[in-house]
Amino acid sequence: MPRHREQLISILRRSVLPLDDDELARCAEIHPRQSVNQLCRRLADEGVLRRFAGPAGKIVNELVDGVSETPIPQAAGTPDTRPVDASTGGRSMGVGTWRVTDGAGVAFGDARRLWASAARETLIDVARRYHAYITYGELAEQVQQMSGVRTRSQLRNWIGKVLADVVQDCHHRGEPPLTALCVHQDQSVGDGYAYVLHVAGLPVPEDLDAHAAEARLECHRFFGAQLPTDGGRPALPPAVVAARRRAARAVTPPAAICPSCFTALPKTGRCDTCS
């Protein structure tokens, strides 16, 4: 049971979105599913995670702010902007999330609200530029700069929660989902984009990138981007288009079959056996 406990915490830490008991059971390969339900309830009682109704109506699980924080080392050659304490000889403090101006620690929930506000402002600016988009990494750096609050938590542990706040706010305002403007380094929206559709009460299509392209066009129109005379068209990012072309070229067409003996035909198109 302790192993299962750490396993569930690890899965939730890596996930950018809350997960329901069934999803956790599948990811952890724990059977029966009721074992996950009981363990999640116990973790919720301990204050390790919170359980609440997700967009689809099912109860989902999310780590409590701070539990998911995992310190990561500074990249070589980059300045260390973490707060320092004179009493430690100028060494970086062990604060996971802090205010840049004075190094004071900031509760993760407070930081998340500040980041969501900055993310909305940043994404609206992106929406005002036709066919523009922004990567998760670029957005993360921008919201930390704008808010003056930084974190050592890994990007995957918090950016999804911030974008979930943004898309819910868009939904309440009757706006198109600004989160469609945020892409991975390979310029795809990734599985996390499905949350946008859940919030809006829409079915999740197989082609998330195509749906996001339509949503980005809606954002450009809604937030006043300068559009072409035809009103603009949805567009996949160049890297996604290139990846799809490579995948299409890699597909090997099925071999032609002789209608008489049902063997594969040679390149000549004439069956060696029947001829």
Foldseek 3Di string as FASTA:
>chain_A
DVVLLVLLLVVLLLALDWAALVVSCVVSVDPPSVVSVVSQVVCVVVQQWDWDQALQRGITIHGDFPNSFDADDDDPPDDDQADADVVVVGDHDPAFKAASVHNHHDGRVVLLVQLLVQLLVVLLVQLQAPPAAEELVRSLVRSCVVSSMDGRGDSSRRSSVSLLVNLLVCVVVVAQRSLLRYPHPLQANDPSCVSSCSSVVHDDDPRSQQVSLVSSLSSNVVSHHDAPPVSDDRDRPPSVVVVVVVVVVPDDDDFDADPPPRDGDPPVRDRPVVD
